[in-house]
Amino acid sequence: AIALDNNPTTMSTNHRVNSLMLPQFVGQNVLVVGRVKGDGGIGQMVHLEGPDGGDIVIDRRQASRDYGSPYVEVLGTVNADRTILETRAIDFGQEFDLQMYNETLLTMNGPLKDLF
């Protein structure tokens, strides 16, 4: 889990997850990293290939800009239908090892989660 700022009165926890973990976090903020599929992130509903190879649907109706790279990190809230309402996105560049990132996620959310 990652804190957005260091102020204890406003700290917000965001869980780093893959597509299979989304149902566990409905109504909560999450961070997902994935490869943009299709038209490059233009439109209201965008599909990402998640680090586990699963499909992650991002609701971008409130987004302020198009994605600028094939790999992005999205912060948002998980809806009941497992889509993510985007709050913000960060471009992660032209290359990113999703498989290695997924292995890290499994460690962060598994038996060693108290260390993260």
Protein backbone atom coordinates (compact mmCIF):
# COMPACT_ATOMS: atom_id res chain seq x y z
CA ALA A 1 0.00 0.00 0.00
CA ILE A 2 1.23 3.47 -0.86
CA ALA A 3 0.51 6.76 0.92
CA LEU A 4 -0.13 9.80 -1.26
CA ASP A 5 1.42 12.23 1.21
CA ASN A 6 3.16 12.24 4.57
CA ASN A 7 0.49 14.13 6.52
CA PRO A 8 -1.07 11.60 8.96
CA THR A 9 -4.39 13.46 8.94
CA THR A 10 -4.81 13.16 5.17
CA MET A 11 -2.95 9.92 4.39
CA SER A 12 -4.75 7.75 1.89
CA THR A 13 -3.83 4.14 1.18
CA ASN A 14 -3.89 2.85 -2.38
CA HIS A 15 -3.45 -0.86 -3.00
CA ARG A 16 -1.31 -2.02 -5.93
CA VAL A 17 -3.27 -4.79 -7.65
CA ASN A 18 -3.63 -6.90 -10.79
CA SER A 19 -6.87 -7.78 -12.59
CA LEU A 20 -7.62 -10.85 -10.45
CA MET A 21 -7.41 -8.82 -7.24
CA LEU A 22 -9.97 -6.16 -8.27
CA PRO A 23 -13.05 -7.85 -6.70
CA GLN A 24 -11.37 -7.64 -3.26
CA PHE A 25 -11.13 -3.84 -3.52
CA VAL A 26 -14.58 -2.68 -4.70
CA GLY A 27 -15.15 0.86 -3.47
CA GLN A 28 -11.46 1.36 -2.64
CA ASN A 29 -8.64 3.23 -4.34
CA VAL A 30 -6.16 1.09 -6.25
CA LEU A 31 -3.10 1.52 -8.42
CA VAL A 32 -2.88 -0.59 -11.57
CA VAL A 33 -0.13 -0.76 -14.15
CA GLY A 34 -0.83 -2.07 -17.62
CA ARG A 35 -0.32 -1.91 -21.37
CA VAL A 36 -2.89 0.18 -23.22
CA LYS A 37 -4.85 -1.94 -25.71
CA GLY A 38 -6.56 -0.82 -28.89
CA ASP A 39 -6.62 2.85 -29.89
CA GLY A 40 -3.96 4.05 -27.46
CA GLY A 41 -6.10 5.20 -24.57
CA ILE A 42 -8.45 7.52 -26.38
CA GLY A 43 -12.10 7.35 -25.38
CA GLN A 44 -14.25 6.99 -22.29
CA MET A 45 -13.64 3.29 -21.61
CA VAL A 46 -10.09 2.05 -22.18
CA HIS A 47 -8.79 -1.50 -21.81
CA LEU A 48 -5.41 -2.29 -20.28
CA GLU A 49 -3.57 -5.58 -20.31
CA GLY A 50 -2.86 -6.02 -16.62
CA PRO A 51 0.40 -7.38 -15.24
CA ASP A 52 -1.24 -10.81 -14.87
CA GLY A 53 -2.39 -10.74 -18.52
CA GLY A 54 -6.00 -10.00 -17.53
CA ASP A 55 -8.22 -7.26 -18.93
CA ILE A 56 -8.61 -4.10 -16.82
CA VAL A 57 -11.27 -1.61 -17.94
CA ILE A 58 -10.62 2.03 -17.08
CA ASP A 59 -13.50 4.53 -16.96
CA ARG A 60 -11.85 7.73 -18.26
CA ARG A 61 -14.90 10.02 -18.38
CA GLN A 62 -13.24 12.34 -15.86
CA ALA A 63 -9.73 12.11 -17.34
CA SER A 64 -8.06 15.38 -18.29
CA ARG A 65 -5.67 14.04 -20.96
CA ASP A 66 -4.98 11.08 -23.25
CA TYR A 67 -2.34 8.53 -22.30
CA GLY A 68 1.10 9.43 -23.64
CA SER A 69 2.73 6.00 -23.65
CA PRO A 70 1.84 2.32 -24.13
CA TYR A 71 2.39 1.56 -20.43
CA VAL A 72 0.56 3.52 -17.74
CA GLU A 73 -0.14 3.52 -14.03
CA VAL A 74 -3.72 4.42 -13.14
CA LEU A 75 -5.01 5.51 -9.74
CA GLY A 76 -8.73 5.08 -9.34
CA THR A 77 -11.66 3.61 -7.48
CA VAL A 78 -12.87 0.07 -8.20
CA ASN A 79 -16.55 0.02 -9.21
CA ALA A 80 -18.92 -2.87 -8.48
CA ASP A 81 -18.56 -4.05 -12.10
CA ARG A 82 -14.74 -4.20 -11.57
CA THR A 83 -14.07 -1.20 -13.82
CA ILE A 84 -11.81 1.49 -12.40
CA LEU A 85 -12.90 5.13 -12.30
CA GLU A 86 -9.65 6.95 -13.10
CA THR A 87 -8.52 9.72 -10.78
CA ARG A 88 -5.10 10.21 -12.36
CA ALA A 89 -2.67 8.44 -14.66
CA ILE A 90 1.10 8.44 -15.09
CA ASP A 91 2.82 7.43 -18.31
CA PHE A 92 5.31 4.60 -17.75
CA GLY A 93 7.09 4.77 -21.10
CA GLN A 94 7.61 2.52 -24.11
CA GLU A 95 8.78 -0.61 -22.27
CA PHE A 96 7.79 -2.14 -18.94
CA ASP A 97 8.18 -5.69 -17.64
CA LEU A 98 4.59 -6.55 -16.63
CA GLN A 99 5.47 -10.12 -15.67
CA MET A 100 8.15 -9.00 -13.19
CA TYR A 101 5.77 -6.36 -11.83
CA ASN A 102 3.09 -9.03 -11.32
CA GLU A 103 5.55 -11.19 -9.37
CA THR A 104 6.22 -8.18 -7.15
CA LEU A 105 2.47 -7.63 -6.68
CA LEU A 106 1.98 -11.24 -5.62
CA THR A 107 4.71 -10.79 -3.01
CA MET A 108 3.30 -7.44 -1.83
CA ASN A 109 -0.21 -8.85 -1.46
CA GLY A 110 0.76 -12.32 -0.25
CA PRO A 111 2.26 -13.71 2.93
CA LEU A 112 4.79 -10.84 3.18
CA LYS A 113 2.20 -8.04 2.82
CA ASP A 114 2.96 -6.71 6.30
CA LEU A 115 6.41 -5.67 5.07
CA PHE A 116 4.90 -3.36 2.45
